Amino acid sequence: MHKLTGKEEEVLELMWQLGECAPKDIVALYEEPQPHVNTIATMVQSLERKGYVDHRPQGRGYIYFPLVSQEDYGRTKLGGFVDRYFKHSYMNMVSALVAEEKVSEQELLDFINELKKQS
């Protein structure tokens, strides 16, 4: 997957909220001052070139829709984060979460027990 800019990621997140939408629908979700519709249209087209969204004609314009789910994108981002900051090791990441008391030992044990039940 191509890397997204922060603004492209922001637009994609709004598209996940909306589902199928036109750039003007995305603009409507912004608080004032809203970006210009042409700015958002340019970002949506960039997302399309990168393979994250597609479109279909509707009237004189286009309706855009995400091709990548939020969950799949999140998994990709998480993998890159783990690779970059935790030496490609999910266990190093979990160890850091435990050390920082973001995840308790009991939560880990509960998670392991849930995994065993699913197997």
PDB file of N, CA and C in Angstrom:
ATOM      1  N   MET A   1       0.837  -1.183   0.000  1.00  0.00           N
ATOM      2  CA  MET A   1       0.000   0.000   0.000  1.00  0.00           C
ATOM      3  C   MET A   1       0.879   1.243   0.000  1.00  0.00           C
ATOM      4  N   HIS A   2       0.446   2.229  -0.759  1.00  0.00           N
ATOM      5  CA  HIS A   2       1.161   3.496  -0.795  1.00  0.00           C
ATOM      6  C   HIS A   2       0.943   4.242   0.513  1.00  0.00           C
ATOM      7  N   LYS A   3       1.953   4.965   0.932  1.00  0.00           N
ATOM      8  CA  LYS A   3       1.862   5.754   2.149  1.00  0.00           C
ATOM      9  C   LYS A   3       0.947   6.954   1.920  1.00  0.00           C
ATOM     10  N   LEU A   4       0.151   7.281   2.926  1.00  0.00           N
ATOM     11  CA  LEU A   4      -0.762   8.421   2.842  1.00  0.00           C
ATOM     12  C   LEU A   4      -0.223   9.591   3.636  1.00  0.00           C
ATOM     13  N   THR A   5      -0.534  10.785   3.168  1.00  0.00           N
ATOM     14  CA  THR A   5      -0.236  11.982   3.947  1.00  0.00           C
ATOM     15  C   THR A   5      -1.260  12.058   5.082  1.00  0.00           C
ATOM     16  N   GLY A   6      -0.986  12.903   6.043  1.00  0.00           N
ATOM     17  CA  GLY A   6      -1.928  13.083   7.147  1.00  0.00           C
ATOM     18  C   GLY A   6      -3.298  13.547   6.673  1.00  0.00           C
ATOM     19  N   LYS A   7      -3.317  14.462   5.712  1.00  0.00           N
ATOM     20  CA  LYS A   7      -4.592  14.974   5.196  1.00  0.00           C
ATOM     21  C   LYS A   7      -5.334  13.903   4.404  1.00  0.00           C
ATOM     22  N   GLU A   8      -4.606  13.100   3.624  1.00  0.00           N
ATOM     23  CA  GLU A   8      -5.258  12.010   2.888  1.00  0.00           C
ATOM     24  C   GLU A   8      -5.877  11.013   3.860  1.00  0.00           C
ATOM     25  N   GLU A   9      -5.144  10.712   4.926  1.00  0.00           N
ATOM     26  CA  GLU A   9      -5.658   9.794   5.938  1.00  0.00           C
ATOM     27  C   GLU A   9      -6.915  10.368   6.597  1.00  0.00           C
ATOM     28  N   GLU A  10      -6.911  11.653   6.852  1.00  0.00           N
ATOM     29  CA  GLU A  10      -8.073  12.333   7.440  1.00  0.00           C
ATOM     30  C   GLU A  10      -9.296  12.216   6.528  1.00  0.00           C
ATOM     31  N   VAL A  11      -9.097  12.436   5.234  1.00  0.00           N
ATOM     32  CA  VAL A  11     -10.193  12.340   4.264  1.00  0.00           C
ATOM     33  C   VAL A  11     -10.692  10.895   4.181  1.00  0.00           C
ATOM     34  N   LEU A  12      -9.768   9.940   4.177  1.00  0.00           N
ATOM     35  CA  LEU A  12     -10.172   8.533   4.128  1.00  0.00           C
ATOM     36  C   LEU A  12     -10.990   8.153   5.357  1.00  0.00           C
ATOM     37  N   GLU A  13     -10.604   8.647   6.521  1.00  0.00           N
ATOM     38  CA  GLU A  13     -11.373   8.381   7.741  1.00  0.00           C
ATOM     39  C   GLU A  13     -12.801   8.921   7.621  1.00  0.00           C
ATOM     40  N   LEU A  14     -12.945  10.095   7.032  1.00  0.00           N
ATOM     41  CA  LEU A  14     -14.281  10.659   6.830  1.00  0.00           C
ATOM     42  C   LEU A  14     -15.074   9.823   5.823  1.00  0.00           C
ATOM     43  N   MET A  15     -14.385   9.307   4.812  1.00  0.00           N
ATOM     44  CA  MET A  15     -15.060   8.455   3.825  1.00  0.00           C
ATOM     45  C   MET A  15     -15.539   7.152   4.467  1.00  0.00           C
ATOM     46  N   TRP A  16     -14.784   6.621   5.419  1.00  0.00           N
ATOM     47  CA  TRP A  16     -15.239   5.417   6.121  1.00  0.00           C
ATOM     48  C   TRP A  16     -16.519   5.712   6.897  1.00  0.00           C
ATOM     49  N   GLN A  17     -16.625   6.918   7.440  1.00  0.00           N
ATOM     50  CA  GLN A  17     -17.847   7.309   8.153  1.00  0.00           C
ATOM     51  C   GLN A  17     -19.034   7.387   7.200  1.00  0.00           C
ATOM     52  N   LEU A  18     -18.798   7.934   6.021  1.00  0.00           N
ATOM     53  CA  LEU A  18     -19.881   8.204   5.077  1.00  0.00           C
ATOM     54  C   LEU A  18     -20.230   7.013   4.186  1.00  0.00           C
ATOM     55  N   GLY A  19     -19.251   6.177   3.870  1.00  0.00           N
ATOM     56  CA  GLY A  19     -19.473   5.135   2.861  1.00  0.00           C
ATOM     57  C   GLY A  19     -19.357   5.778   1.492  1.00  0.00           C
ATOM     58  N   GLU A  20     -20.356   5.618   0.664  1.00  0.00           N
ATOM     59  CA  GLU A  20     -20.340   6.269  -0.654  1.00  0.00           C
ATOM     60  C   GLU A  20     -20.623   7.757  -0.478  1.00  0.00           C
ATOM     61  N   CYS A  21     -19.832   8.575  -1.176  1.00  0.00           N
ATOM     62  CA  CYS A  21     -19.998  10.019  -0.993  1.00  0.00           C
ATOM     63  C   CYS A  21     -19.359  10.795  -2.132  1.00  0.00           C
ATOM     64  N   ALA A  22     -19.763  12.041  -2.233  1.00  0.00           N
ATOM     65  CA  ALA A  22     -19.144  13.003  -3.143  1.00  0.00           C
ATOM     66  C   ALA A  22     -18.222  13.893  -2.303  1.00  0.00           C
ATOM     67  N   PRO A  23     -17.258  14.547  -2.921  1.00  0.00           N
ATOM     68  CA  PRO A  23     -16.378  15.437  -2.155  1.00  0.00           C
ATOM     69  C   PRO A  23     -17.137  16.463  -1.317  1.00  0.00           C
ATOM     70  N   LYS A  24     -18.257  16.970  -1.828  1.00  0.00           N
ATOM     71  CA  LYS A  24     -19.031  17.967  -1.061  1.00  0.00           C
ATOM     72  C   LYS A  24     -19.576  17.367   0.241  1.00  0.00           C
ATOM     73  N   ASP A  25     -19.856  16.052   0.239  1.00  0.00           N
ATOM     74  CA  ASP A  25     -20.327  15.393   1.466  1.00  0.00           C
ATOM     75  C   ASP A  25     -19.215  15.347   2.510  1.00  0.00           C
ATOM     76  N   ILE A  26     -17.999  15.161   2.047  1.00  0.00           N
ATOM     77  CA  ILE A  26     -16.846  15.145   2.949  1.00  0.00           C
ATOM     78  C   ILE A  26     -16.630  16.532   3.533  1.00  0.00           C
ATOM     79  N   VAL A  27     -16.684  17.537   2.692  1.00  0.00           N
ATOM     80  CA  VAL A  27     -16.516  18.926   3.145  1.00  0.00           C
ATOM     81  C   VAL A  27     -17.525  19.253   4.241  1.00  0.00           C
ATOM     82  N   ALA A  28     -18.742  18.764   4.098  1.00  0.00           N
ATOM     83  CA  ALA A  28     -19.804  19.066   5.066  1.00  0.00           C
ATOM     84  C   ALA A  28     -19.490  18.550   6.470  1.00  0.00           C
ATOM     85  N   LEU A  29     -18.605  17.565   6.594  1.00  0.00           N
ATOM     86  CA  LEU A  29     -18.250  17.024   7.912  1.00  0.00           C
ATOM     87  C   LEU A  29     -17.221  17.887   8.648  1.00  0.00           C
ATOM     88  N   TYR A  30     -16.570  18.786   7.940  1.00  0.00           N
ATOM     89  CA  TYR A  30     -15.572  19.657   8.559  1.00  0.00           C
ATOM     90  C   TYR A  30     -16.247  20.815   9.272  1.00  0.00           C
ATOM     91  N   GLU A  31     -15.628  21.226  10.371  1.00  0.00           N
ATOM     92  CA  GLU A  31     -16.068  22.439  11.042  1.00  0.00           C
ATOM     93  C   GLU A  31     -15.501  23.633  10.286  1.00  0.00           C
ATOM     94  N   GLU A  32     -16.019  24.802  10.567  1.00  0.00           N
ATOM     95  CA  GLU A  32     -15.511  26.028   9.946  1.00  0.00           C
ATOM     96  C   GLU A  32     -14.105  26.304  10.461  1.00  0.00           C
ATOM     97  N   PRO A  33     -13.224  26.786   9.662  1.00  0.00           N
ATOM     98  CA  PRO A  33     -13.395  27.026   8.234  1.00  0.00           C
ATOM     99  C   PRO A  33     -13.250  25.724   7.445  1.00  0.00           C
ATOM    100  N   GLN A  34     -14.219  25.445   6.612  1.00  0.00           N
ATOM    101  CA  GLN A  34     -14.200  24.223   5.817  1.00  0.00           C
ATOM    102  C   GLN A  34     -13.221  24.358   4.653  1.00  0.00           C
ATOM    103  N   PRO A  35     -12.562  23.237   4.314  1.00  0.00           N
ATOM    104  CA  PRO A  35     -11.704  23.286   3.125  1.00  0.00           C
ATOM    105  C   PRO A  35     -12.556  23.442   1.875  1.00  0.00           C
ATOM    106  N   HIS A  36     -11.966  23.940   0.814  1.00  0.00           N
ATOM    107  CA  HIS A  36     -12.683  24.102  -0.449  1.00  0.00           C
ATOM    108  C   HIS A  36     -12.958  22.722  -1.040  1.00  0.00           C
ATOM    109  N   VAL A  37     -14.077  22.557  -1.688  1.00  0.00           N
ATOM    110  CA  VAL A  37     -14.453  21.275  -2.274  1.00  0.00           C
ATOM    111  C   VAL A  37     -13.413  20.788  -3.283  1.00  0.00           C
ATOM    112  N   ASN A  38     -12.759  21.724  -3.997  1.00  0.00           N
ATOM    113  CA  ASN A  38     -11.727  21.312  -4.960  1.00  0.00           C
ATOM    114  C   ASN A  38     -10.522  20.699  -4.253  1.00  0.00           C
ATOM    115  N   THR A  39     -10.197  21.197  -3.073  1.00  0.00           N
ATOM    116  CA  THR A  39      -9.091  20.645  -2.288  1.00  0.00           C
ATOM    117  C   THR A  39      -9.402  19.208  -1.892  1.00  0.00           C
ATOM    118  N   ILE A  40     -10.620  18.984  -1.435  1.00  0.00           N
ATOM    119  CA  ILE A  40     -11.026  17.633  -1.031  1.00  0.00           C
ATOM    120  C   ILE A  40     -11.099  16.724  -2.250  1.00  0.00           C
ATOM    121  N   ALA A  41     -11.622  17.227  -3.357  1.00  0.00           N
ATOM    122  CA  ALA A  41     -11.692  16.422  -4.584  1.00  0.00           C
ATOM    123  C   ALA A  41     -10.301  15.983  -5.028  1.00  0.00           C
ATOM    124  N   THR A  42      -9.330  16.877  -4.911  1.00  0.00           N
ATOM    125  CA  THR A  42      -7.948  16.540  -5.271  1.00  0.00           C
ATOM    126  C   THR A  42      -7.413  15.429  -4.370  1.00  0.00           C
ATOM    127  N   MET A  43      -7.702  15.514  -3.077  1.00  0.00           N
ATOM    128  CA  MET A  43      -7.247  14.468  -2.150  1.00  0.00           C
ATOM    129  C   MET A  43      -7.924  13.136  -2.431  1.00  0.00           C
ATOM    130  N   VAL A  44      -9.205  13.179  -2.747  1.00  0.00           N
ATOM    131  CA  VAL A  44      -9.929  11.945  -3.064  1.00  0.00           C
ATOM    132  C   VAL A  44      -9.341  11.313  -4.328  1.00  0.00           C
ATOM    133  N   GLN A  45      -9.023  12.131  -5.307  1.00  0.00           N
ATOM    134  CA  GLN A  45      -8.409  11.609  -6.534  1.00  0.00           C
ATOM    135  C   GLN A  45      -7.035  11.014  -6.254  1.00  0.00           C
ATOM    136  N   SER A  46      -6.292  11.611  -5.345  1.00  0.00           N
ATOM    137  CA  SER A  46      -4.999  11.066  -4.943  1.00  0.00           C
ATOM    138  C   SER A  46      -5.187   9.715  -4.253  1.00  0.00           C
ATOM    139  N   LEU A  47      -6.199   9.619  -3.394  1.00  0.00           N
ATOM    140  CA  LEU A  47      -6.514   8.344  -2.738  1.00  0.00           C
ATOM    141  C   LEU A  47      -6.885   7.283  -3.772  1.00  0.00           C
ATOM    142  N   GLU A  48      -7.562   7.713  -4.818  1.00  0.00           N
ATOM    143  CA  GLU A  48      -7.940   6.778  -5.877  1.00  0.00           C
ATOM    144  C   GLU A  48      -6.695   6.300  -6.634  1.00  0.00           C
ATOM    145  N   ARG A  49      -5.798   7.210  -6.964  1.00  0.00           N
ATOM    146  CA  ARG A  49      -4.555   6.829  -7.659  1.00  0.00           C
ATOM    147  C   ARG A  49      -3.736   5.849  -6.825  1.00  0.00           C
ATOM    148  N   LYS A  50      -3.796   6.014  -5.513  1.00  0.00           N
ATOM    149  CA  LYS A  50      -3.033   5.144  -4.612  1.00  0.00           C
ATOM    150  C   LYS A  50      -3.749   3.825  -4.318  1.00  0.00           C
ATOM    151  N   GLY A  51      -4.976   3.661  -4.822  1.00  0.00           N
ATOM    152  CA  GLY A  51      -5.689   2.400  -4.683  1.00  0.00           C
ATOM    153  C   GLY A  51      -6.559   2.253  -3.448  1.00  0.00           C
ATOM    154  N   TYR A  52      -6.814   3.347  -2.746  1.00  0.00           N
ATOM    155  CA  TYR A  52      -7.617   3.288  -1.526  1.00  0.00           C
ATOM    156  C   TYR A  52      -9.108   3.489  -1.780  1.00  0.00           C
ATOM    157  N   VAL A  53      -9.460   4.183  -2.848  1.00  0.00           N
ATOM    158  CA  VAL A  53     -10.867   4.438  -3.166  1.00  0.00           C
ATOM    159  C   VAL A  53     -11.102   4.232  -4.663  1.00  0.00           C
ATOM    160  N   ASP A  54     -12.362   4.126  -5.014  1.00  0.00           N
ATOM    161  CA  ASP A  54     -12.771   4.046  -6.417  1.00  0.00           C
ATOM    162  C   ASP A  54     -13.990   4.931  -6.574  1.00  0.00           C
ATOM    163  N   HIS A  55     -14.487   5.037  -7.785  1.00  0.00           N
ATOM    164  CA  HIS A  55     -15.646   5.890  -8.023  1.00  0.00           C
ATOM    165  C   HIS A  55     -16.577   5.260  -9.045  1.00  0.00           C
ATOM    166  N   ARG A  56     -17.779   5.813  -9.067  1.00  0.00           N
ATOM    167  CA  ARG A  56     -18.751   5.483 -10.110  1.00  0.00           C
ATOM    168  C   ARG A  56     -19.423   6.782 -10.515  1.00  0.00           C
ATOM    169  N   PRO A  57     -19.798   6.897 -11.782  1.00  0.00           N
ATOM    170  CA  PRO A  57     -20.466   8.129 -12.222  1.00  0.00           C
ATOM    171  C   PRO A  57     -21.860   8.253 -11.609  1.00  0.00           C
ATOM    172  N   GLN A  58     -22.206   9.485 -11.297  1.00  0.00           N
ATOM    173  CA  GLN A  58     -23.577   9.781 -10.868  1.00  0.00           C
ATOM    174  C   GLN A  58     -23.893  11.198 -11.310  1.00  0.00           C
ATOM    175  N   GLY A  59     -24.855  11.304 -12.200  1.00  0.00           N
ATOM    176  CA  GLY A  59     -25.194  12.619 -12.749  1.00  0.00           C
ATOM    177  C   GLY A  59     -24.005  13.197 -13.482  1.00  0.00           C
ATOM    178  N   ARG A  60     -23.676  14.447 -13.143  1.00  0.00           N
ATOM    179  CA  ARG A  60     -22.532  15.105 -13.788  1.00  0.00           C
ATOM    180  C   ARG A  60     -21.238  14.920 -13.000  1.00  0.00           C
ATOM    181  N   GLY A  61     -21.299  14.184 -11.917  1.00  0.00           N
ATOM    182  CA  GLY A  61     -20.109  14.006 -11.079  1.00  0.00           C
ATOM    183  C   GLY A  61     -19.836  12.549 -10.779  1.00  0.00           C
ATOM    184  N   TYR A  62     -19.152  12.332  -9.699  1.00  0.00           N
ATOM    185  CA  TYR A  62     -18.785  10.979  -9.289  1.00  0.00           C
ATOM    186  C   TYR A  62     -19.108  10.767  -7.821  1.00  0.00           C
ATOM    187  N   ILE A  63     -19.406   9.521  -7.519  1.00  0.00           N
ATOM    188  CA  ILE A  63     -19.560   9.083  -6.138  1.00  0.00           C
ATOM    189  C   ILE A  63     -18.350   8.201  -5.843  1.00  0.00           C
ATOM    190  N   TYR A  64     -17.678   8.493  -4.745  1.00  0.00           N
ATOM    191  CA  TYR A  64     -16.481   7.761  -4.361  1.00  0.00           C
ATOM    192  C   TYR A  64     -16.796   6.829  -3.199  1.00  0.00           C
ATOM    193  N   PHE A  65     -16.043   5.750  -3.117  1.00  0.00           N
ATOM    194  CA  PHE A  65     -16.229   4.792  -2.022  1.00  0.00           C
ATOM    195  C   PHE A  65     -14.889   4.140  -1.695  1.00  0.00           C
ATOM    196  N   PRO A  66     -14.672   3.831  -0.413  1.00  0.00           N
ATOM    197  CA  PRO A  66     -13.412   3.208  -0.004  1.00  0.00           C
ATOM    198  C   PRO A  66     -13.296   1.777  -0.534  1.00  0.00           C
ATOM    199  N   LEU A  67     -12.103   1.408  -0.954  1.00  0.00           N
ATOM    200  CA  LEU A  67     -11.806   0.032  -1.348  1.00  0.00           C
ATOM    201  C   LEU A  67     -11.113  -0.729  -0.220  1.00  0.00           C
ATOM    202  N   VAL A  68     -10.538   0.018   0.714  1.00  0.00           N
ATOM    203  CA  VAL A  68      -9.803  -0.562   1.838  1.00  0.00           C
ATOM    204  C   VAL A  68     -10.610  -0.307   3.104  1.00  0.00           C
ATOM    205  N   SER A  69     -10.834  -1.350   3.880  1.00  0.00           N
ATOM    206  CA  SER A  69     -11.584  -1.176   5.131  1.00  0.00           C
ATOM    207  C   SER A  69     -10.706  -0.506   6.183  1.00  0.00           C
ATOM    208  N   GLN A  70     -11.360   0.095   7.131  1.00  0.00           N
ATOM    209  CA  GLN A  70     -10.644   0.756   8.212  1.00  0.00           C
ATOM    210  C   GLN A  70      -9.807  -0.266   8.991  1.00  0.00           C
ATOM    211  N   GLU A  71     -10.337  -1.459   9.174  1.00  0.00           N
ATOM    212  CA  GLU A  71      -9.624  -2.503   9.907  1.00  0.00           C
ATOM    213  C   GLU A  71      -8.367  -2.943   9.156  1.00  0.00           C
ATOM    214  N   ASP A  72      -8.478  -3.151   7.843  1.00  0.00           N
ATOM    215  CA  ASP A  72      -7.309  -3.555   7.062  1.00  0.00           C
ATOM    216  C   ASP A  72      -6.238  -2.464   7.064  1.00  0.00           C
ATOM    217  N   TYR A  73      -6.671  -1.231   6.924  1.00  0.00           N
ATOM    218  CA  TYR A  73      -5.720  -0.127   6.950  1.00  0.00           C
ATOM    219  C   TYR A  73      -5.038  -0.054   8.314  1.00  0.00           C
ATOM    220  N   GLY A  74      -5.824  -0.222   9.370  1.00  0.00           N
ATOM    221  CA  GLY A  74      -5.266  -0.191  10.724  1.00  0.00           C
ATOM    222  C   GLY A  74      -4.238  -1.287  10.943  1.00  0.00           C
ATOM    223  N   ARG A  75      -4.514  -2.486  10.424  1.00  0.00           N
ATOM    224  CA  ARG A  75      -3.558  -3.588  10.557  1.00  0.00           C
ATOM    225  C   ARG A  75      -2.243  -3.252   9.851  1.00  0.00           C
ATOM    226  N   THR A  76      -2.344  -2.661   8.685  1.00  0.00           N
ATOM    227  CA  THR A  76      -1.152  -2.279   7.934  1.00  0.00           C
ATOM    228  C   THR A  76      -0.352  -1.233   8.705  1.00  0.00           C
ATOM    229  N   LYS A  77      -1.056  -0.242   9.238  1.00  0.00           N
ATOM    230  CA  LYS A  77      -0.386   0.803  10.007  1.00  0.00           C
ATOM    231  C   LYS A  77       0.262   0.219  11.261  1.00  0.00           C
ATOM    232  N   LEU A  78      -0.434  -0.698  11.926  1.00  0.00           N
ATOM    233  CA  LEU A  78       0.110  -1.315  13.135  1.00  0.00           C
ATOM    234  C   LEU A  78       1.368  -2.103  12.810  1.00  0.00           C
ATOM    235  N   GLY A  79       1.335  -2.853  11.711  1.00  0.00           N
ATOM    236  CA  GLY A  79       2.511  -3.620  11.314  1.00  0.00           C
ATOM    237  C   GLY A  79       3.713  -2.723  11.069  1.00  0.00           C
ATOM    238  N   GLY A  80       3.502  -1.613  10.401  1.00  0.00           N
ATOM    239  CA  GLY A  80       4.583  -0.667  10.155  1.00  0.00           C
ATOM    240  C   GLY A  80       5.101  -0.051  11.446  1.00  0.00           C
ATOM    241  N   PHE A  81       4.199   0.234  12.359  1.00  0.00           N
ATOM    242  CA  PHE A  81       4.559   0.799  13.657  1.00  0.00           C
ATOM    243  C   PHE A  81       5.420  -0.188  14.439  1.00  0.00           C
ATOM    244  N   VAL A  82       4.994  -1.445  14.472  1.00  0.00           N
ATOM    245  CA  VAL A  82       5.747  -2.479  15.188  1.00  0.00           C
ATOM    246  C   VAL A  82       7.116  -2.669  14.545  1.00  0.00           C
ATOM    247  N   ASP A  83       7.151  -2.712  13.226  1.00  0.00           N
ATOM    248  CA  ASP A  83       8.431  -2.873  12.530  1.00  0.00           C
ATOM    249  C   ASP A  83       9.383  -1.719  12.855  1.00  0.00           C
ATOM    250  N   ARG A  84       8.847  -0.525  12.837  1.00  0.00           N
ATOM    251  CA  ARG A  84       9.688   0.663  13.000  1.00  0.00           C
ATOM    252  C   ARG A  84      10.155   0.879  14.434  1.00  0.00           C
ATOM    253  N   TYR A  85       9.250   0.696  15.401  1.00  0.00           N
ATOM    254  CA  TYR A  85       9.569   1.076  16.774  1.00  0.00           C
ATOM    255  C   TYR A  85       9.840  -0.091  17.720  1.00  0.00           C
ATOM    256  N   PHE A  86       9.507  -1.301  17.303  1.00  0.00           N
ATOM    257  CA  PHE A  86       9.671  -2.452  18.200  1.00  0.00           C
ATOM    258  C   PHE A  86      10.451  -3.585  17.551  1.00  0.00           C
ATOM    259  N   LYS A  87      11.342  -3.245  16.638  1.00  0.00           N
ATOM    260  CA  LYS A  87      12.254  -4.199  16.009  1.00  0.00           C
ATOM    261  C   LYS A  87      11.519  -5.402  15.414  1.00  0.00           C
ATOM    262  N   HIS A  88      10.404  -5.148  14.751  1.00  0.00           N
ATOM    263  CA  HIS A  88       9.613  -6.185  14.056  1.00  0.00           C
ATOM    264  C   HIS A  88       8.998  -7.197  15.021  1.00  0.00           C
ATOM    265  N   SER A  89       8.891  -6.856  16.293  1.00  0.00           N
ATOM    266  CA  SER A  89       8.414  -7.825  17.288  1.00  0.00           C
ATOM    267  C   SER A  89       7.160  -7.328  17.999  1.00  0.00           C
ATOM    268  N   TYR A  90       6.073  -8.067  17.798  1.00  0.00           N
ATOM    269  CA  TYR A  90       4.845  -7.749  18.522  1.00  0.00           C
ATOM    270  C   TYR A  90       5.016  -8.008  20.014  1.00  0.00           C
ATOM    271  N   MET A  91       5.837  -8.972  20.360  1.00  0.00           N
ATOM    272  CA  MET A  91       6.084  -9.249  21.781  1.00  0.00           C
ATOM    273  C   MET A  91       6.805  -8.072  22.441  1.00  0.00           C
ATOM    274  N   ASN A  92       7.730  -7.445  21.730  1.00  0.00           N
ATOM    275  CA  ASN A  92       8.374  -6.246  22.280  1.00  0.00           C
ATOM    276  C   ASN A  92       7.339  -5.158  22.530  1.00  0.00           C
ATOM    277  N   MET A  93       6.371  -5.029  21.630  1.00  0.00           N
ATOM    278  CA  MET A  93       5.323  -4.035  21.809  1.00  0.00           C
ATOM    279  C   MET A  93       4.459  -4.371  23.023  1.00  0.00           C
ATOM    280  N   VAL A  94       4.066  -5.633  23.144  1.00  0.00           N
ATOM    281  CA  VAL A  94       3.248  -6.046  24.287  1.00  0.00           C
ATOM    282  C   VAL A  94       4.020  -5.831  25.583  1.00  0.00           C
ATOM    283  N   SER A  95       5.301  -6.156  25.583  1.00  0.00           N
ATOM    284  CA  SER A  95       6.132  -5.948  26.775  1.00  0.00           C
ATOM    285  C   SER A  95       6.155  -4.470  27.163  1.00  0.00           C
ATOM    286  N   ALA A  96       6.259  -3.608  26.173  1.00  0.00           N
ATOM    287  CA  ALA A  96       6.248  -2.171  26.444  1.00  0.00           C
ATOM    288  C   ALA A  96       4.906  -1.731  27.022  1.00  0.00           C
ATOM    289  N   LEU A  97       3.819  -2.279  26.495  1.00  0.00           N
ATOM    290  CA  LEU A  97       2.491  -1.930  27.013  1.00  0.00           C
ATOM    291  C   LEU A  97       2.331  -2.376  28.466  1.00  0.00           C
ATOM    292  N   VAL A  98       2.857  -3.544  28.788  1.00  0.00           N
ATOM    293  CA  VAL A  98       2.795  -4.044  30.167  1.00  0.00           C
ATOM    294  C   VAL A  98       3.676  -3.175  31.065  1.00  0.00           C
ATOM    295  N   ALA A  99       4.886  -2.862  30.598  1.00  0.00           N
ATOM    296  CA  ALA A  99       5.809  -2.043  31.392  1.00  0.00           C
ATOM    297  C   ALA A  99       5.232  -0.658  31.668  1.00  0.00           C
ATOM    298  N   GLU A 100       4.502  -0.112  30.711  1.00  0.00           N
ATOM    299  CA  GLU A 100       3.888   1.211  30.872  1.00  0.00           C
ATOM    300  C   GLU A 100       2.530   1.137  31.563  1.00  0.00           C
ATOM    301  N   GLU A 101       2.153  -0.058  31.987  1.00  0.00           N
ATOM    302  CA  GLU A 101       0.879  -0.315  32.669  1.00  0.00           C
ATOM    303  C   GLU A 101      -0.321   0.078  31.833  1.00  0.00           C
ATOM    304  N   LYS A 102      -0.201  -0.084  30.506  1.00  0.00           N
ATOM    305  CA  LYS A 102      -1.324   0.141  29.597  1.00  0.00           C
ATOM    306  C   LYS A 102      -2.151  -1.137  29.461  1.00  0.00           C
ATOM    307  N   VAL A 103      -1.501  -2.280  29.719  1.00  0.00           N
ATOM    308  CA  VAL A 103      -2.149  -3.592  29.706  1.00  0.00           C
ATOM    309  C   VAL A 103      -1.683  -4.319  30.955  1.00  0.00           C
ATOM    310  N   SER A 104      -2.631  -4.888  31.691  1.00  0.00           N
ATOM    311  CA  SER A 104      -2.260  -5.600  32.916  1.00  0.00           C
ATOM    312  C   SER A 104      -1.952  -7.064  32.614  1.00  0.00           C
ATOM    313  N   GLU A 105      -1.266  -7.683  33.544  1.00  0.00           N
ATOM    314  CA  GLU A 105      -0.975  -9.114  33.409  1.00  0.00           C
ATOM    315  C   GLU A 105      -2.277  -9.912  33.346  1.00  0.00           C
ATOM    316  N   GLN A 106      -3.260  -9.512  34.135  1.00  0.00           N
ATOM    317  CA  GLN A 106      -4.545 -10.218  34.132  1.00  0.00           C
ATOM    318  C   GLN A 106      -5.246 -10.091  32.787  1.00  0.00           C
ATOM    319  N   GLU A 107      -5.170  -8.912  32.174  1.00  0.00           N
ATOM    320  CA  GLU A 107      -5.759  -8.735  30.847  1.00  0.00           C
ATOM    321  C   GLU A 107      -5.099  -9.646  29.829  1.00  0.00           C
ATOM    322  N   LEU A 108      -3.791  -9.803  29.930  1.00  0.00           N
ATOM    323  CA  LEU A 108      -3.086 -10.718  29.027  1.00  0.00           C
ATOM    324  C   LEU A 108      -3.518 -12.161  29.258  1.00  0.00           C
ATOM    325  N   LEU A 109      -3.640 -12.546  30.509  1.00  0.00           N
ATOM    326  CA  LEU A 109      -4.081 -13.912  30.822  1.00  0.00           C
ATOM    327  C   LEU A 109      -5.503 -14.152  30.326  1.00  0.00           C
ATOM    328  N   ASP A 110      -6.370 -13.181  30.505  1.00  0.00           N
ATOM    329  CA  ASP A 110      -7.744 -13.296  30.003  1.00  0.00           C
ATOM    330  C   ASP A 110      -7.745 -13.436  28.477  1.00  0.00           C
ATOM    331  N   PHE A 111      -6.893 -12.670  27.814  1.00  0.00           N
ATOM    332  CA  PHE A 111      -6.793 -12.729  26.359  1.00  0.00           C
ATOM    333  C   PHE A 111      -6.307 -14.111  25.910  1.00  0.00           C
ATOM    334  N   ILE A 112      -5.306 -14.630  26.590  1.00  0.00           N
ATOM    335  CA  ILE A 112      -4.788 -15.964  26.250  1.00  0.00           C
ATOM    336  C   ILE A 112      -5.878 -17.011  26.437  1.00  0.00           C
ATOM    337  N   ASN A 113      -6.636 -16.916  27.510  1.00  0.00           N
ATOM    338  CA  ASN A 113      -7.724 -17.870  27.741  1.00  0.00           C
ATOM    339  C   ASN A 113      -8.793 -17.785  26.671  1.00  0.00           C
ATOM    340  N   GLU A 114      -9.108 -16.580  26.208  1.00  0.00           N
ATOM    341  CA  GLU A 114     -10.070 -16.412  25.110  1.00  0.00           C
ATOM    342  C   GLU A 114      -9.545 -17.042  23.832  1.00  0.00           C
ATOM    343  N   LEU A 115      -8.267 -16.870  23.559  1.00  0.00           N
ATOM    344  CA  LEU A 115      -7.663 -17.486  22.377  1.00  0.00           C
ATOM    345  C   LEU A 115      -7.752 -19.011  22.436  1.00  0.00           C
ATOM    346  N   LYS A 116      -7.502 -19.553  23.621  1.00  0.00           N
ATOM    347  CA  LYS A 116      -7.575 -21.019  23.782  1.00  0.00           C
ATOM    348  C   LYS A 116      -8.990 -21.525  23.536  1.00  0.00           C
ATOM    349  N   LYS A 117      -9.981 -20.770  23.958  1.00  0.00           N
ATOM    350  CA  LYS A 117     -11.382 -21.164  23.748  1.00  0.00           C
ATOM    351  C   LYS A 117     -11.747 -21.167  22.264  1.00  0.00           C
ATOM    352  N   GLN A 118     -11.163 -20.253  21.507  1.00  0.00           N
ATOM    353  CA  GLN A 118     -11.458 -20.138  20.082  1.00  0.00           C
ATOM    354  C   GLN A 118     -10.797 -21.228  19.255  1.00  0.00           C
ATOM    355  N   SER A 119      -9.753 -21.831  19.785  1.00  0.00           N
ATOM    356  CA  SER A 119      -9.015 -22.860  19.032  1.00  0.00           C
ATOM    357  C   SER A 119      -9.713 -24.193  19.019  1.00  0.00           C
TER     358      SER A 119
END
